[in-house]
Amino acid sequence: MTLLDTYTTVRQHTEAICRLLQTEDYVPQPAAFVSPPKWHLAHTTWFFEQFILTQHLPNYKVYNPDFCFLFNSYYNNVGDRTFRADRGAITRPGVEEIYAYRKYVDIHMELVLQLKNEAVHSLATLGINHEQQHQELLLTDIKYILSCNPTFPIYNEDINWEQQTNSHLGFITIPEGVYEIGCNTNGFSYDNEHGRHKTYLHEFDIAINLVTNAEYMEFMEAGGYTNFNYWLDEGWAWVNQNNINAPLYWHNINGKWQQFTMVGLHDVNPNAIVTHISFYEAAAYAEWKGMRLPTEQEWETASNKLDWGQRWEWTNSAYLPYPNYNKPDGAVGEYNGKFMINQMVLRGASCATSPEHSRNTYRNFFHPNERWQFNGIRLVKK
């Protein structure tokens, strides 16, 4: 498959995700951490326009000068931008114009990708992977948006992600030793995966399976959300300030737990893998079980012996640079490096991760209170 073929396939997949939406679904922003689907469609298009077409296609005319302000996410090197929490206020341009914008940029990208320019191809590959990241965010943002509708509407009757179960049970032992982590392949990887290095690990036992709904309900029924002894101090404050008593999307209706899913509101399946869990909750559950979360070094070392890919898995590792990490210059350098503070690493992938966008060196990262992604829990024995 050529780079142009890959570009076209990925761009079409983004639009396929939105095909099930009604026009009114494209605009709401019920929480600051959620971006409207229309914004995702525009931002991923602006990325190609800003970093490739304006720099590498002679005589390219920007579709609309206002779009850089409206659809820039966090690139300070590029210029001013609208506040993240105000993305839902961008009612104009309308949905039809955003699709016209995507078509306009795609036509010009077809031209520029025919150039034998290594810098263009490298940036295009980054843009493709960037769009794949946003495809997952699109799905999780759509779920959050629809969950705020009191009728709990269905997104896609064919998606049963919340019913996924473990294939294997038990623990495996990883021997003490010096291991290497980090990316060393020739394919695409993000800069935060670079700097392959050695790490020493004590022997540890890591679960093959992820924590299930039934296991997590045992924690809840044992007073897990009301006993401060299980919680990190910030986590305990978060629980109390936000009245948290269950995973995100769970509703206690007439004494029975139900959860909002991509196919509407359904009873919680006790055998399914628990999801939409914050780091605070994962750490508290591990403490209650007398276990702990793996470090990202342990997770990557054990990954080839694990079933992973159904949930992003919280690790007990802060998001920090690897040895000899060098942040790229300019706006591209803002992609990962500047977020290396106050965030925790998640490993693996999830049911919402786009095809061919996962690898065992991938370092996802979120603040410890965030849980609208398909996050889960894997335990390590103390």
Protein backbone atom coordinates (compact mmCIF):
# COMPACT_ATOMS: atom_id res chain seq x y z
CA MET A 1 0.00 0.00 0.00
CA THR A 2 1.39 3.40 -0.98
CA LEU A 3 1.51 6.34 1.40
CA LEU A 4 -1.32 7.96 -0.56
CA ASP A 5 -3.40 4.79 -0.22
CA THR A 6 -2.79 4.77 3.53
CA TYR A 7 -3.65 8.46 3.76
CA THR A 8 -6.90 7.93 1.86
CA THR A 9 -7.89 4.87 3.89
CA VAL A 10 -7.34 6.63 7.21
CA ARG A 11 -9.19 9.76 6.14
CA GLN A 12 -12.15 7.69 4.98
CA HIS A 13 -12.21 5.79 8.26
CA THR A 14 -12.58 9.05 10.21
CA GLU A 15 -15.61 9.97 8.15
CA ALA A 16 -17.05 6.48 8.51
CA ILE A 17 -16.98 6.92 12.30
CA CYS A 18 -19.10 10.06 11.91
CA ARG A 19 -21.49 8.59 9.36
CA LEU A 20 -23.81 7.30 12.10
CA LEU A 21 -24.17 10.74 13.68
CA GLN A 22 -27.01 13.17 13.21
CA THR A 23 -26.11 16.78 12.47
CA GLU A 24 -26.88 17.87 16.02
CA ASP A 25 -24.40 15.28 17.38
CA TYR A 26 -21.45 17.04 15.74
CA VAL A 27 -21.47 20.15 17.93
CA PRO A 28 -22.03 19.53 21.69
CA GLN A 29 -19.19 19.75 24.20
CA PRO A 30 -20.68 18.61 27.52
CA ALA A 31 -17.29 18.67 29.31
CA ALA A 32 -14.02 20.51 28.79
CA PHE A 33 -12.10 17.30 28.10
CA VAL A 34 -14.48 16.35 25.27
CA SER A 35 -14.12 17.78 21.77
CA PRO A 36 -17.09 17.93 19.39
CA PRO A 37 -16.92 15.53 16.41
CA LYS A 38 -16.98 18.50 14.05
CA TRP A 39 -13.86 19.88 15.70
CA HIS A 40 -12.03 16.54 15.33
CA LEU A 41 -12.89 16.46 11.61
CA ALA A 42 -11.55 19.97 11.14
CA HIS A 43 -8.50 19.72 13.40
CA THR A 44 -7.13 16.57 11.76
CA THR A 45 -7.53 18.34 8.39
CA TRP A 46 -5.89 21.52 9.62
CA PHE A 47 -2.89 19.45 10.74
CA PHE A 48 -2.13 18.44 7.13
CA GLU A 49 -2.82 21.92 5.84
CA GLN A 50 -0.68 23.67 8.43
CA PHE A 51 2.34 21.40 8.58
CA ILE A 52 2.49 20.13 4.99
CA LEU A 53 0.51 22.09 2.42
CA THR A 54 1.42 25.61 3.54
CA GLN A 55 5.07 24.63 3.83
CA HIS A 56 5.65 22.28 0.92
CA LEU A 57 3.07 22.88 -1.83
CA PRO A 58 3.95 25.96 -3.93
CA ASN A 59 1.18 28.53 -4.33
CA TYR A 60 -1.14 26.69 -1.95
CA LYS A 61 -4.04 28.87 -0.83
CA VAL A 62 -5.30 28.30 2.72
CA TYR A 63 -8.96 27.28 2.70
CA ASN A 64 -9.96 29.78 5.38
CA PRO A 65 -7.52 31.95 7.40
CA ASP A 66 -9.77 31.71 10.49
CA PHE A 67 -9.45 27.94 10.66
CA CYS A 68 -5.96 28.07 12.16
CA PHE A 69 -7.35 29.94 15.18
CA LEU A 70 -10.45 27.74 15.41
CA PHE A 71 -8.87 24.32 14.93
CA ASN A 72 -5.33 24.56 16.30
CA SER A 73 -5.24 22.37 19.41
CA TYR A 74 -2.16 23.24 21.47
CA TYR A 75 0.62 24.30 19.11
CA ASN A 76 1.84 27.59 20.53
CA ASN A 77 4.49 27.84 17.82
CA VAL A 78 1.74 28.15 15.23
CA GLY A 79 -0.14 31.02 16.88
CA ASP A 80 -3.22 31.86 18.93
CA ARG A 81 -6.09 29.42 19.25
CA THR A 82 -9.53 29.15 20.80
CA PHE A 83 -9.74 27.80 24.35
CA ARG A 84 -10.24 24.05 24.54
CA ALA A 85 -13.39 24.37 26.63
CA ASP A 86 -14.92 26.67 23.99
CA ARG A 87 -14.77 24.25 21.05
CA GLY A 88 -18.47 23.52 21.38
CA ALA A 89 -19.24 27.20 20.81
CA ILE A 90 -17.91 26.99 17.24
CA THR A 91 -21.31 26.58 15.58
CA ARG A 92 -19.95 28.18 12.40
CA PRO A 93 -18.52 26.93 10.08
CA GLY A 94 -21.20 24.29 9.72
CA VAL A 95 -20.79 20.56 9.29
CA GLU A 96 -21.15 20.69 5.50
CA GLU A 97 -18.37 23.25 5.21
CA ILE A 98 -16.06 21.13 7.36
CA TYR A 99 -16.57 18.21 4.99
CA ALA A 100 -15.86 20.57 2.07
CA TYR A 101 -12.68 21.63 3.88
CA ARG A 102 -11.61 18.02 4.24
CA LYS A 103 -12.18 17.42 0.52
CA TYR A 104 -10.22 20.55 -0.40
CA VAL A 105 -7.23 19.51 1.67
CA ASP A 106 -7.40 15.90 0.46
CA ILE A 107 -7.23 17.01 -3.17
CA HIS A 108 -4.10 19.03 -2.47
CA MET A 109 -2.58 16.27 -0.35
CA GLU A 110 -2.88 13.94 -3.34
CA LEU A 111 -0.70 16.38 -5.26
CA VAL A 112 1.94 16.90 -2.60
CA LEU A 113 2.26 13.19 -1.80
CA GLN A 114 3.34 12.60 -5.37
CA LEU A 115 6.49 14.61 -4.67
CA LYS A 116 9.57 12.59 -3.81
CA ASN A 117 10.16 14.66 -0.71
CA GLU A 118 11.30 12.80 2.40
CA ALA A 119 10.25 15.62 4.74
CA VAL A 120 6.73 15.62 3.26
CA HIS A 121 6.41 11.85 3.57
CA SER A 122 7.65 11.92 7.17
CA LEU A 123 5.19 14.66 8.14
CA ALA A 124 2.37 12.90 6.29
CA THR A 125 3.07 9.70 8.22
CA LEU A 126 2.94 11.69 11.46
CA GLY A 127 -0.33 13.28 10.34
CA ILE A 128 -1.83 9.90 9.52
CA ASN A 129 -0.95 8.55 12.96
CA HIS A 130 -2.21 11.78 14.51
CA GLU A 131 -5.55 11.27 12.76
CA GLN A 132 -5.69 7.67 14.00
CA GLN A 133 -5.28 8.97 17.55
CA HIS A 134 -8.20 11.30 16.95
CA GLN A 135 -10.30 8.45 15.59
CA GLU A 136 -10.14 6.85 19.02
CA LEU A 137 -10.86 10.18 20.69
CA LEU A 138 -13.78 10.65 18.32
CA LEU A 139 -15.33 7.38 19.45
CA THR A 140 -14.84 8.05 23.15
CA ASP A 141 -16.03 11.65 22.81
CA ILE A 142 -19.12 10.50 20.90
CA LYS A 143 -19.86 8.03 23.67
CA TYR A 144 -19.57 10.73 26.33
CA ILE A 145 -21.73 13.16 24.34
CA LEU A 146 -24.49 10.59 23.85
CA SER A 147 -24.26 9.50 27.50
CA CYS A 148 -25.36 13.00 28.53
CA ASN A 149 -28.61 12.56 26.63
CA PRO A 150 -31.22 11.33 29.15
CA THR A 151 -32.65 8.91 26.58
CA PHE A 152 -29.26 7.09 26.30
CA PRO A 153 -29.30 6.84 22.48
CA ILE A 154 -27.57 4.09 20.51
CA TYR A 155 -24.45 4.93 18.51
CA ASN A 156 -23.87 1.61 16.75
CA GLU A 157 -25.81 -1.61 17.37
CA ASP A 158 -22.85 -3.65 16.08
CA ILE A 159 -20.37 -2.46 18.72
CA ASN A 160 -20.31 -4.66 21.82
CA TRP A 161 -17.07 -3.47 23.39
CA GLU A 162 -18.45 -3.41 26.92
CA GLN A 163 -19.16 -7.15 26.64
CA GLN A 164 -15.54 -8.16 26.02
CA THR A 165 -14.18 -10.85 28.36
CA ASN A 166 -10.80 -12.34 29.25
CA SER A 167 -9.47 -15.24 27.21
CA HIS A 168 -7.03 -16.51 29.86
CA LEU A 169 -6.67 -16.36 33.65
CA GLY A 170 -3.82 -16.51 36.12
CA PHE A 171 -0.39 -15.00 36.58
CA ILE A 172 2.94 -15.36 34.84
CA THR A 173 6.33 -14.85 36.43
CA ILE A 174 8.92 -12.60 34.81
CA PRO A 175 12.42 -13.44 36.08
CA GLU A 176 14.74 -10.89 37.62
CA GLY A 177 17.08 -9.39 35.10
CA VAL A 178 18.15 -6.53 32.87
CA TYR A 179 15.76 -5.88 30.01
CA GLU A 180 15.54 -3.38 27.16
CA ILE A 181 12.50 -1.20 26.53
CA GLY A 182 11.71 1.45 23.97
CA CYS A 183 11.18 1.37 20.23
CA ASN A 184 13.93 0.20 17.88
CA THR A 185 11.89 -0.74 14.79
CA ASN A 186 12.10 0.84 11.36
CA GLY A 187 8.37 1.60 11.24
CA PHE A 188 6.64 4.67 12.60
CA SER A 189 6.84 5.48 16.29
CA TYR A 190 6.41 8.62 18.36
CA ASP A 191 9.37 10.49 19.78
CA ASN A 192 8.37 9.60 23.35
CA GLU A 193 9.03 5.91 22.54
CA HIS A 194 12.59 6.62 21.45
CA GLY A 195 15.73 6.14 23.48
CA ARG A 196 15.71 2.36 23.81
CA HIS A 197 17.47 1.60 27.05
CA LYS A 198 18.18 -1.04 29.64
CA THR A 199 16.21 -1.39 32.83
CA TYR A 200 16.69 -3.67 35.81
CA LEU A 201 13.63 -5.51 37.13
CA HIS A 202 13.15 -7.67 40.18
CA GLU A 203 11.17 -10.86 39.63
CA PHE A 204 7.44 -10.15 39.47
CA ASP A 205 4.16 -11.94 38.90
CA ILE A 206 1.77 -10.18 36.52
CA ALA A 207 -1.84 -11.10 35.76
CA ILE A 208 -2.65 -12.51 32.35
CA ASN A 209 -6.22 -11.27 32.68
CA LEU A 210 -7.69 -7.85 33.29
CA VAL A 211 -10.00 -7.09 36.22
CA THR A 212 -13.66 -7.88 35.49
CA ASN A 213 -16.86 -6.06 36.42
CA ALA A 214 -17.70 -8.75 39.00
CA GLU A 215 -14.32 -8.37 40.67
CA TYR A 216 -14.64 -4.62 40.71
CA MET A 217 -18.16 -4.83 42.17
CA GLU A 218 -16.68 -6.81 45.06
CA PHE A 219 -14.47 -3.81 45.76
CA MET A 220 -17.48 -1.50 45.62
CA GLU A 221 -19.57 -3.74 47.89
CA ALA A 222 -16.71 -3.94 50.39
CA GLY A 223 -16.85 -0.16 50.81
CA GLY A 224 -14.05 0.58 48.37
CA TYR A 225 -15.30 4.08 47.63
CA THR A 226 -15.83 4.96 51.28
CA ASN A 227 -12.60 3.71 52.87
CA PHE A 228 -9.79 6.23 52.63
CA ASN A 229 -7.19 3.59 53.49
CA TYR A 230 -7.23 2.31 49.90
CA TRP A 231 -6.79 5.67 48.23
CA LEU A 232 -3.96 7.99 47.38
CA ASP A 233 -4.60 11.34 49.01
CA GLU A 234 -5.38 13.13 45.74
CA GLY A 235 -7.60 10.23 44.72
CA TRP A 236 -9.53 10.38 47.96
CA ALA A 237 -10.07 14.12 47.47
CA TRP A 238 -11.24 13.46 43.91
CA VAL A 239 -13.74 10.83 45.09
CA ASN A 240 -15.24 13.12 47.68
CA GLN A 241 -15.26 16.30 45.62
CA ASN A 242 -17.01 14.57 42.72
CA ASN A 243 -19.19 12.07 44.63
CA ILE A 244 -17.64 9.14 42.76
CA ASN A 245 -19.06 5.73 43.71
CA ALA A 246 -18.73 3.62 40.53
CA PRO A 247 -16.97 3.51 37.17
CA LEU A 248 -17.95 6.11 34.60
CA TYR A 249 -21.23 5.37 32.79
CA TRP A 250 -22.54 3.11 35.60
CA HIS A 251 -26.03 3.88 36.92
CA ASN A 252 -27.71 2.23 39.89
CA ILE A 253 -31.31 1.88 38.74
CA ASN A 254 -33.73 0.26 41.19
CA GLY A 255 -30.84 -1.39 43.01
CA LYS A 256 -29.30 -2.84 39.85
CA TRP A 257 -26.14 -1.65 38.12
CA GLN A 258 -26.52 -0.66 34.49
CA GLN A 259 -24.02 1.01 32.20
CA PHE A 260 -24.23 3.20 29.16
CA THR A 261 -22.62 1.53 26.15
CA MET A 262 -22.28 2.14 22.43
CA VAL A 263 -25.56 0.23 22.10
CA GLY A 264 -27.43 2.18 24.77
CA LEU A 265 -28.13 1.40 28.42
CA HIS A 266 -27.66 -2.24 29.47
CA ASP A 267 -27.17 -4.32 32.59
CA VAL A 268 -23.55 -4.57 33.67
CA ASN A 269 -22.15 -7.92 32.53
CA PRO A 270 -20.25 -9.31 35.55
CA ASN A 271 -17.96 -11.40 33.33
CA ALA A 272 -16.92 -8.52 31.10
CA ILE A 273 -13.74 -6.52 31.60
CA VAL A 274 -14.22 -3.40 33.69
CA THR A 275 -13.63 -0.17 31.82
CA HIS A 276 -13.68 3.63 32.14
CA ILE A 277 -11.57 3.50 35.30
CA SER A 278 -9.32 6.34 36.46
CA PHE A 279 -5.79 5.80 37.72
CA TYR A 280 -7.04 6.71 41.19
CA GLU A 281 -9.62 3.93 41.05
CA ALA A 282 -7.17 1.43 39.59
CA ALA A 283 -4.65 2.17 42.33
CA ALA A 284 -7.31 1.93 45.07
CA TYR A 285 -8.59 -1.37 43.73
CA ALA A 286 -5.05 -2.77 43.61
CA GLU A 287 -4.46 -1.68 47.20
CA TRP A 288 -7.71 -3.34 48.30
CA LYS A 289 -6.61 -6.56 46.61
CA GLY A 290 -3.22 -6.42 48.33
CA MET A 291 -1.55 -6.01 44.94
CA ARG A 292 -0.22 -3.16 42.81
CA LEU A 293 -0.21 -1.82 39.27
CA PRO A 294 2.71 -2.71 36.99
CA THR A 295 5.32 -0.15 36.04
CA GLU A 296 5.51 0.60 32.36
CA GLN A 297 8.91 -1.15 32.26
CA GLU A 298 7.34 -4.29 33.72
CA TRP A 299 4.38 -4.07 31.36
CA GLU A 300 6.49 -3.80 28.22
CA THR A 301 8.83 -6.57 29.34
CA ALA A 302 5.89 -8.92 29.96
CA SER A 303 3.76 -7.77 27.02
CA ASN A 304 4.70 -10.55 24.61
CA LYS A 305 3.24 -13.05 27.08
CA LEU A 306 0.03 -11.12 27.73
CA ASP A 307 -3.29 -10.68 25.99
CA TRP A 308 -3.52 -6.94 25.51
CA GLY A 309 -5.43 -4.55 23.31
CA GLN A 310 -8.95 -4.50 24.75
CA ARG A 311 -8.33 -1.78 27.36
CA TRP A 312 -5.69 0.85 27.92
CA GLU A 313 -3.92 -0.36 31.05
CA TRP A 314 -2.88 2.03 33.78
CA THR A 315 0.70 1.66 34.97
CA ASN A 316 2.25 3.02 38.13
CA SER A 317 4.71 5.08 36.06
CA ALA A 318 4.69 8.83 35.67
CA TYR A 319 4.93 10.08 32.11
CA LEU A 320 8.58 11.11 31.84
CA PRO A 321 11.19 11.18 29.06
CA TYR A 322 13.36 8.18 28.34
CA PRO A 323 17.15 8.53 28.68
CA ASN A 324 18.65 10.74 25.94
CA TYR A 325 15.22 11.93 24.84
CA ASN A 326 15.44 14.98 22.60
CA LYS A 327 12.31 17.00 21.95
CA PRO A 328 12.09 17.96 18.25
CA ASP A 329 12.33 21.62 17.39
CA GLY A 330 9.33 23.77 16.55
CA ALA A 331 5.64 22.94 16.65
CA VAL A 332 6.16 19.21 16.06
CA GLY A 333 8.17 19.17 19.29
CA GLU A 334 5.04 20.20 21.18
CA TYR A 335 3.36 16.90 20.28
CA ASN A 336 4.57 14.90 23.29
CA GLY A 337 7.41 16.48 25.22
CA LYS A 338 5.62 19.37 26.87
CA PHE A 339 3.06 17.05 28.47
CA MET A 340 5.62 15.16 30.54
CA ILE A 341 4.31 16.34 33.90
CA ASN A 342 1.43 15.31 36.19
CA GLN A 343 0.31 12.48 33.91
CA MET A 344 0.45 8.70 34.20
CA VAL A 345 1.39 6.21 31.49
CA LEU A 346 -1.09 3.73 30.04
CA ARG A 347 0.09 0.83 27.93
CA GLY A 348 -1.37 -1.43 25.29
CA ALA A 349 -4.37 -0.32 23.24
CA SER A 350 -8.15 -0.47 23.51
CA CYS A 351 -11.17 -1.72 21.65
CA ALA A 352 -11.50 1.80 20.23
CA THR A 353 -7.91 2.03 18.98
CA SER A 354 -7.71 2.31 15.21
CA PRO A 355 -6.46 -0.61 13.12
CA GLU A 356 -2.66 -0.89 12.85
CA HIS A 357 -2.18 1.80 15.47
CA SER A 358 -0.94 -0.27 18.40
CA ARG A 359 2.44 -1.65 19.47
CA ASN A 360 3.91 -2.74 22.78
CA THR A 361 6.19 0.32 22.98
CA TYR A 362 3.30 2.82 22.61
CA ARG A 363 3.12 5.22 25.56
CA ASN A 364 -0.31 6.70 26.12
CA PHE A 365 -0.73 9.25 28.90
CA PHE A 366 -3.55 10.91 30.78
CA HIS A 367 -4.10 12.74 34.04
CA PRO A 368 -4.90 10.33 36.89
CA ASN A 369 -8.55 11.44 37.19
CA GLU A 370 -9.43 10.91 33.53
CA ARG A 371 -11.53 7.88 32.66
CA TRP A 372 -13.61 8.53 29.53
CA GLN A 373 -11.17 6.40 27.54
CA PHE A 374 -11.55 2.61 27.54
CA ASN A 375 -9.17 2.15 30.50
CA GLY A 376 -8.79 -1.02 32.57
CA ILE A 377 -6.75 -2.67 35.32
CA ARG A 378 -4.02 -5.31 35.26
CA LEU A 379 -2.51 -6.37 38.60
CA VAL A 380 0.92 -7.38 39.83
CA LYS A 381 1.49 -9.32 43.04
CA LYS A 382 3.31 -7.41 45.77
